[in-house]
N, C-alpha and C. Protein backbone atom coordinates (compact mmCIF):
# COMPACT_ATOMS: atom_id res chain seq x y z
N MET A 1 0.84 -1.18 0.00
CA MET A 1 0.00 0.00 0.00
C MET A 1 0.88 1.24 0.00
N ASP A 2 0.39 2.28 -0.59
CA ASP A 2 1.12 3.54 -0.68
C ASP A 2 1.24 4.19 0.70
N THR A 3 2.45 4.43 1.13
CA THR A 3 2.70 5.00 2.46
C THR A 3 2.07 6.38 2.60
N ASP A 4 2.13 7.19 1.57
CA ASP A 4 1.52 8.52 1.64
C ASP A 4 0.02 8.40 1.92
N ASN A 5 -0.62 7.41 1.32
CA ASN A 5 -2.04 7.21 1.56
C ASN A 5 -2.30 6.76 3.00
N LEU A 6 -1.45 5.88 3.52
CA LEU A 6 -1.59 5.45 4.92
C LEU A 6 -1.47 6.63 5.87
N VAL A 7 -0.48 7.48 5.62
CA VAL A 7 -0.27 8.66 6.46
C VAL A 7 -1.49 9.57 6.38
N HIS A 8 -2.00 9.77 5.17
CA HIS A 8 -3.17 10.61 4.98
C HIS A 8 -4.37 10.05 5.76
N MET A 9 -4.60 8.76 5.64
CA MET A 9 -5.73 8.14 6.34
C MET A 9 -5.54 8.22 7.85
N ALA A 10 -4.33 7.97 8.33
CA ALA A 10 -4.06 8.04 9.77
C ALA A 10 -4.29 9.46 10.28
N ASN A 11 -3.88 10.45 9.51
CA ASN A 11 -4.09 11.83 9.91
C ASN A 11 -5.57 12.21 9.92
N ARG A 12 -6.34 11.66 9.00
CA ARG A 12 -7.78 11.92 8.99
C ARG A 12 -8.42 11.35 10.26
N ILE A 13 -7.97 10.17 10.66
CA ILE A 13 -8.46 9.58 11.91
C ILE A 13 -8.09 10.50 13.08
N GLY A 14 -6.86 10.97 13.06
CA GLY A 14 -6.40 11.88 14.12
C GLY A 14 -7.21 13.17 14.16
N GLU A 15 -7.54 13.71 13.00
CA GLU A 15 -8.34 14.93 12.95
C GLU A 15 -9.69 14.72 13.64
N PHE A 16 -10.28 13.56 13.42
CA PHE A 16 -11.57 13.26 14.03
C PHE A 16 -11.44 13.20 15.56
N PHE A 17 -10.45 12.49 16.05
CA PHE A 17 -10.33 12.26 17.49
C PHE A 17 -9.67 13.42 18.23
N GLN A 18 -9.03 14.33 17.55
CA GLN A 18 -8.37 15.43 18.26
C GLN A 18 -9.37 16.42 18.86
N THR A 19 -10.63 16.28 18.52
CA THR A 19 -11.66 17.14 19.12
C THR A 19 -12.05 16.68 20.52
N MET A 20 -11.60 15.51 20.91
CA MET A 20 -11.94 15.00 22.24
C MET A 20 -11.24 15.86 23.30
N PRO A 21 -11.92 16.11 24.41
CA PRO A 21 -11.33 16.99 25.42
C PRO A 21 -10.12 16.37 26.15
N GLU A 22 -10.08 15.07 26.28
CA GLU A 22 -8.97 14.40 26.97
C GLU A 22 -7.99 13.82 25.96
N ARG A 23 -6.77 14.31 25.96
CA ARG A 23 -5.78 13.87 24.98
C ARG A 23 -5.50 12.37 25.07
N GLU A 24 -5.35 11.84 26.27
CA GLU A 24 -5.03 10.42 26.41
C GLU A 24 -6.17 9.55 25.90
N GLU A 25 -7.39 9.99 26.10
CA GLU A 25 -8.53 9.26 25.57
C GLU A 25 -8.50 9.26 24.03
N ALA A 26 -8.14 10.39 23.45
CA ALA A 26 -8.03 10.48 21.99
C ALA A 26 -6.94 9.54 21.47
N VAL A 27 -5.81 9.48 22.18
CA VAL A 27 -4.72 8.59 21.80
C VAL A 27 -5.20 7.14 21.82
N LEU A 28 -5.92 6.77 22.85
CA LEU A 28 -6.43 5.40 22.95
C LEU A 28 -7.45 5.10 21.85
N GLU A 29 -8.29 6.06 21.54
CA GLU A 29 -9.30 5.87 20.48
C GLU A 29 -8.64 5.69 19.11
N ILE A 30 -7.59 6.46 18.85
CA ILE A 30 -6.85 6.31 17.58
C ILE A 30 -6.25 4.91 17.50
N THR A 31 -5.63 4.48 18.59
CA THR A 31 -5.03 3.15 18.63
C THR A 31 -6.08 2.07 18.40
N GLN A 32 -7.20 2.19 19.07
CA GLN A 32 -8.26 1.19 18.90
C GLN A 32 -8.81 1.18 17.48
N HIS A 33 -8.96 2.36 16.90
CA HIS A 33 -9.46 2.44 15.53
C HIS A 33 -8.49 1.74 14.56
N LEU A 34 -7.21 2.03 14.70
CA LEU A 34 -6.22 1.40 13.83
C LEU A 34 -6.22 -0.12 14.01
N ARG A 35 -6.34 -0.56 15.24
CA ARG A 35 -6.32 -1.99 15.51
C ARG A 35 -7.57 -2.69 14.97
N LYS A 36 -8.72 -2.05 15.10
CA LYS A 36 -9.98 -2.68 14.67
C LYS A 36 -10.20 -2.64 13.16
N PHE A 37 -9.83 -1.53 12.53
CA PHE A 37 -10.25 -1.32 11.15
C PHE A 37 -9.14 -1.38 10.11
N TRP A 38 -7.91 -1.39 10.54
CA TRP A 38 -6.80 -1.49 9.59
C TRP A 38 -6.29 -2.92 9.57
N ALA A 39 -5.99 -3.40 8.38
CA ALA A 39 -5.41 -4.72 8.22
C ALA A 39 -4.02 -4.74 8.87
N PRO A 40 -3.58 -5.90 9.35
CA PRO A 40 -2.25 -5.98 9.95
C PRO A 40 -1.14 -5.44 9.04
N ARG A 41 -1.26 -5.69 7.75
CA ARG A 41 -0.24 -5.20 6.81
C ARG A 41 -0.21 -3.67 6.80
N MET A 42 -1.36 -3.02 6.87
CA MET A 42 -1.41 -1.56 6.89
C MET A 42 -0.77 -1.02 8.16
N ARG A 43 -1.07 -1.62 9.29
CA ARG A 43 -0.47 -1.19 10.56
C ARG A 43 1.04 -1.39 10.54
N ARG A 44 1.46 -2.53 10.02
CA ARG A 44 2.90 -2.83 9.94
C ARG A 44 3.61 -1.80 9.06
N GLU A 45 3.02 -1.47 7.93
CA GLU A 45 3.64 -0.49 7.03
C GLU A 45 3.71 0.90 7.68
N LEU A 46 2.68 1.26 8.44
CA LEU A 46 2.71 2.55 9.13
C LEU A 46 3.82 2.55 10.18
N LEU A 47 3.95 1.47 10.92
CA LEU A 47 5.02 1.37 11.92
C LEU A 47 6.40 1.43 11.27
N GLU A 48 6.57 0.75 10.15
CA GLU A 48 7.84 0.79 9.43
C GLU A 48 8.15 2.20 8.95
N HIS A 49 7.11 2.90 8.50
CA HIS A 49 7.28 4.29 8.06
C HIS A 49 7.75 5.16 9.22
N VAL A 50 7.14 5.00 10.38
CA VAL A 50 7.53 5.78 11.56
C VAL A 50 8.96 5.44 11.95
N ASP A 51 9.33 4.18 11.88
CA ASP A 51 10.71 3.78 12.20
C ASP A 51 11.71 4.41 11.24
N ARG A 52 11.33 4.46 9.97
CA ARG A 52 12.22 5.00 8.93
C ARG A 52 12.34 6.51 8.98
N THR A 53 11.22 7.19 9.21
CA THR A 53 11.19 8.65 9.05
C THR A 53 11.00 9.42 10.36
N GLY A 54 10.62 8.73 11.40
CA GLY A 54 10.29 9.41 12.65
C GLY A 54 8.83 9.83 12.73
N GLY A 55 8.12 9.70 11.62
CA GLY A 55 6.70 10.02 11.61
C GLY A 55 6.39 11.50 11.68
N ASP A 56 7.32 12.33 11.20
CA ASP A 56 7.10 13.77 11.26
C ASP A 56 5.93 14.25 10.40
N ASP A 57 5.49 13.41 9.46
CA ASP A 57 4.37 13.79 8.60
C ASP A 57 3.03 13.40 9.20
N LEU A 58 3.06 12.77 10.38
CA LEU A 58 1.83 12.44 11.09
C LEU A 58 1.46 13.57 12.04
N LEU A 59 0.17 13.75 12.27
CA LEU A 59 -0.26 14.69 13.30
C LEU A 59 0.35 14.26 14.62
N PRO A 60 0.73 15.20 15.47
CA PRO A 60 1.35 14.84 16.75
C PRO A 60 0.53 13.82 17.56
N LEU A 61 -0.79 13.94 17.52
CA LEU A 61 -1.64 13.02 18.26
C LEU A 61 -1.56 11.60 17.69
N VAL A 62 -1.50 11.49 16.39
CA VAL A 62 -1.39 10.18 15.73
C VAL A 62 -0.02 9.58 16.02
N ARG A 63 0.99 10.40 15.89
CA ARG A 63 2.35 9.93 16.17
C ARG A 63 2.45 9.43 17.61
N GLN A 64 1.87 10.17 18.54
CA GLN A 64 1.88 9.76 19.94
C GLN A 64 1.17 8.42 20.11
N ALA A 65 0.04 8.25 19.45
CA ALA A 65 -0.71 6.99 19.56
C ALA A 65 0.11 5.82 19.03
N VAL A 66 0.72 6.02 17.88
CA VAL A 66 1.51 4.95 17.26
C VAL A 66 2.71 4.59 18.12
N LEU A 67 3.39 5.58 18.64
CA LEU A 67 4.58 5.30 19.45
C LEU A 67 4.23 4.75 20.83
N ALA A 68 3.21 5.30 21.45
CA ALA A 68 2.86 4.88 22.82
C ALA A 68 2.22 3.50 22.87
N HIS A 69 1.54 3.12 21.80
CA HIS A 69 0.79 1.86 21.81
C HIS A 69 1.22 0.94 20.67
N ARG A 70 2.46 1.05 20.30
CA ARG A 70 3.04 0.27 19.22
C ARG A 70 2.77 -1.22 19.38
N HIS A 71 2.96 -1.73 20.59
CA HIS A 71 2.78 -3.18 20.84
C HIS A 71 1.37 -3.65 20.51
N GLU A 72 0.38 -2.77 20.58
CA GLU A 72 -0.99 -3.14 20.25
C GLU A 72 -1.26 -3.13 18.75
N LEU A 73 -0.37 -2.52 18.01
CA LEU A 73 -0.58 -2.38 16.56
C LEU A 73 0.17 -3.41 15.75
N ILE A 74 1.03 -4.17 16.38
CA ILE A 74 1.83 -5.16 15.65
C ILE A 74 0.98 -6.34 15.27
């Protein structure tokens, strides 16, 4: 899958959840969404992208979710 598209989709998810008043709750919701609705290959490619680039093209909230809950996304 195209990494740019994965980043775009992850950021769209982040945009939705960043309206939540509690940041940690938003981070958990992003993680749960990725785990429930993304195929393992998509999650793996996003993690590889973050490892390669640092994930600077992800919204800070999405990057935090991916890094803090990485073990749940593998």
